[in-house]
């Protein structure tokens, strides 16, 4: 797991978030213009914007994980010394990996359960909409595994 690969994934996430947000803005603005200017709404635009918002949320959460921007309560951890702190971090990362595994497995089950359910306005398979859950879990697993290996290496250095 190379640091350059993490930077590439982070940059791809950043570009995707900007693209998704841009498409959402165009869809919502176009729908507002159509509704108030032409008295006719674009029925599928609202649904697509809603689906894109879900994707944007998960992409943002994944990006925040890569950048270390998620909130954490570290009142106890900051008071710990070297090895105790690393052991605590390793334990925390293992717990996170367990959560991500459950999330990915549950997300795949959700996709399978909804593949044949189509959204009303667009006819998209809801399984495709829910694909972002396991994908985000997989990307966060990659990042968490990288951090876990770095913590284990730090333990080996006797920090």
Protein backbone atom coordinates (compact mmCIF):
# COMPACT_ATOMS: atom_id res chain seq x y z
CA UNK A 1 0.00 0.00 0.00
CA UNK A 2 1.93 2.91 -1.31
CA UNK A 3 1.45 6.49 -0.13
CA UNK A 4 1.22 7.53 -3.78
CA UNK A 5 -1.74 5.17 -4.30
CA UNK A 6 -3.54 6.78 -1.34
CA UNK A 7 -2.89 10.22 -2.81
CA UNK A 8 -4.26 9.08 -6.18
CA UNK A 9 -7.40 7.64 -4.56
CA UNK A 10 -7.81 10.83 -2.52
CA UNK A 11 -7.49 12.97 -5.64
CA UNK A 12 -9.98 10.79 -7.55
CA UNK A 13 -12.44 11.16 -4.66
CA UNK A 14 -11.95 14.91 -4.72
CA UNK A 15 -12.61 15.13 -8.47
CA UNK A 16 -15.66 12.85 -8.18
CA UNK A 17 -17.11 14.98 -5.38
CA UNK A 18 -16.73 18.15 -7.46
CA UNK A 19 -18.25 16.46 -10.52
CA UNK A 20 -21.20 15.03 -8.57
CA UNK A 21 -21.86 18.37 -6.89
CA UNK A 22 -21.66 20.15 -10.26
CA UNK A 23 -24.17 17.77 -11.84
CA UNK A 24 -26.46 18.19 -8.83
CA UNK A 25 -26.35 21.98 -9.15
CA UNK A 26 -27.14 21.83 -12.86
CA UNK A 27 -30.03 19.38 -12.30
CA UNK A 28 -31.59 21.32 -9.44
CA UNK A 29 -31.12 24.70 -11.16
CA UNK A 30 -32.54 23.33 -14.41
CA UNK A 31 -35.51 21.90 -12.55
CA UNK A 32 -36.16 25.23 -10.80
CA UNK A 33 -36.01 27.09 -14.13
CA UNK A 34 -38.31 24.53 -15.75
CA UNK A 35 -40.78 24.62 -12.84
CA UNK A 36 -41.02 28.39 -12.44
CA UNK A 37 -40.15 29.50 -15.96
CA UNK A 38 -42.10 26.94 -17.97
CA UNK A 39 -44.52 25.62 -15.33
CA UNK A 40 -43.29 22.09 -15.98
CA UNK A 41 -40.90 20.18 -13.72
CA UNK A 42 -38.30 17.70 -14.93
CA UNK A 43 -39.56 14.69 -12.99
CA UNK A 44 -36.39 12.63 -13.12
CA UNK A 45 -34.04 15.51 -12.18
CA UNK A 46 -35.11 15.60 -8.54
CA UNK A 47 -34.67 11.85 -8.16
CA UNK A 48 -31.24 11.84 -9.81
CA UNK A 49 -30.16 14.79 -7.65
CA UNK A 50 -31.28 12.88 -4.55
CA UNK A 51 -29.33 9.78 -5.59
CA UNK A 52 -26.27 11.91 -6.35
CA UNK A 53 -26.56 13.51 -2.92
CA UNK A 54 -26.38 10.06 -1.33
CA UNK A 55 -23.28 9.28 -3.41
CA UNK A 56 -21.75 12.66 -2.53
CA UNK A 57 -22.26 11.97 1.18
CA UNK A 58 -20.45 8.63 1.01
CA UNK A 59 -17.69 10.00 -1.23
CA UNK A 60 -17.22 12.86 1.25
CA UNK A 61 -17.09 10.47 4.21
CA UNK A 62 -14.47 8.39 2.42
CA UNK A 63 -12.45 11.48 1.52
CA UNK A 64 -12.63 12.64 5.14
CA UNK A 65 -11.33 9.24 6.28
CA UNK A 66 -8.36 9.53 3.91
CA UNK A 67 -7.58 13.03 5.19
CA UNK A 68 -8.15 12.18 8.87
CA UNK A 69 -10.98 14.70 9.18
CA UNK A 70 -13.53 12.59 11.07
CA UNK A 71 -14.24 13.61 14.63
CA UNK A 72 -12.69 11.52 17.36
CA UNK A 73 -12.75 11.57 21.12
CA UNK A 74 -9.15 11.37 22.24
CA UNK A 75 -9.25 12.63 25.83
CA UNK A 76 -7.62 9.46 27.14
CA UNK A 77 -5.47 8.60 24.12
CA UNK A 78 -3.57 11.91 24.14
CA UNK A 79 -2.48 11.23 27.73
CA UNK A 80 -1.04 7.83 26.88
CA UNK A 81 2.65 7.35 26.26
CA UNK A 82 4.41 5.75 23.26
CA UNK A 83 3.61 2.03 23.19
CA UNK A 84 0.27 2.36 25.03
CA UNK A 85 -0.85 4.94 22.54
CA UNK A 86 0.17 2.74 19.59
CA UNK A 87 -1.58 -0.30 21.10
CA UNK A 88 -4.73 1.79 21.56
CA UNK A 89 -4.51 3.02 17.97
CA UNK A 90 -4.02 -0.54 16.68
CA UNK A 91 -7.05 -1.72 18.68
CA UNK A 92 -9.12 1.18 17.35
CA UNK A 93 -8.12 0.46 13.75
CA UNK A 94 -8.98 -3.24 14.15
CA UNK A 95 -12.41 -2.27 15.49
CA UNK A 96 -12.87 0.08 12.52
CA UNK A 97 -11.90 -2.72 10.11
CA UNK A 98 -14.50 -4.97 11.78
CA UNK A 99 -17.15 -2.29 11.36
CA UNK A 100 -16.19 -1.76 7.71
CA UNK A 101 -16.42 -5.51 7.08
CA UNK A 102 -19.94 -5.65 8.53
CA UNK A 103 -20.87 -2.54 6.56
CA UNK A 104 -19.56 -4.00 3.28
CA UNK A 105 -21.29 -7.36 3.79
CA UNK A 106 -24.56 -5.66 4.77
CA UNK A 107 -24.23 -3.30 1.82
CA UNK A 108 -23.80 -6.16 -0.62
CA UNK A 109 -26.91 -7.83 0.86
CA UNK A 110 -28.80 -4.54 0.45
CA UNK A 111 -27.73 -4.32 -3.19
CA UNK A 112 -28.79 -7.89 -3.88
CA UNK A 113 -32.16 -7.31 -2.21
CA UNK A 114 -32.83 -4.19 -4.31
CA UNK A 115 -31.44 -5.07 -7.73
CA UNK A 116 -34.91 -5.73 -9.12
CA UNK A 117 -36.51 -2.71 -7.45
CA UNK A 118 -36.56 0.21 -9.88
CA UNK A 119 -36.79 3.86 -8.91
CA UNK A 120 -40.10 5.43 -9.98
CA UNK A 121 -38.97 8.40 -12.11
CA UNK A 122 -35.76 7.13 -13.72
CA UNK A 123 -36.18 3.37 -13.71
CA UNK A 124 -32.67 2.97 -12.23
CA UNK A 125 -32.09 -0.17 -10.26
CA UNK A 126 -31.95 0.78 -6.59
CA UNK A 127 -29.15 -1.75 -6.25
CA UNK A 128 -26.97 0.59 -8.32
CA UNK A 129 -27.89 3.52 -6.09
CA UNK A 130 -26.88 1.49 -3.01
CA UNK A 131 -23.59 0.40 -4.63
CA UNK A 132 -21.85 3.37 -3.03
CA UNK A 133 -22.13 1.83 0.47
CA UNK A 134 -19.90 -1.20 -0.07
CA UNK A 135 -17.65 0.83 -2.39
CA UNK A 136 -17.08 3.44 0.33
CA UNK A 137 -16.50 0.65 2.88
CA UNK A 138 -13.93 -0.94 0.56
CA UNK A 139 -12.08 2.35 0.03
CA UNK A 140 -12.12 3.10 3.76
CA UNK A 141 -10.84 -0.44 4.42
CA UNK A 142 -7.88 0.26 2.13
CA UNK A 143 -7.09 3.47 4.04
CA UNK A 144 -7.60 1.90 7.47
CA UNK A 145 -5.41 -1.10 6.59
CA UNK A 146 -2.67 1.33 5.50
CA UNK A 147 -2.93 3.17 8.84
CA UNK A 148 -2.94 -0.14 10.74
CA UNK A 149 0.25 -1.31 9.02
CA UNK A 150 1.87 2.07 9.75
CA UNK A 151 0.91 1.74 13.43
CA UNK A 152 2.29 -1.80 13.60
CA UNK A 153 5.54 -0.61 12.00
CA UNK A 154 5.66 2.18 14.61
CA UNK A 155 5.28 -0.44 17.33
CA UNK A 156 8.18 -2.39 15.84
CA UNK A 157 10.37 0.72 15.96
CA UNK A 158 9.75 0.94 19.69
CA UNK A 159 8.11 4.35 19.69
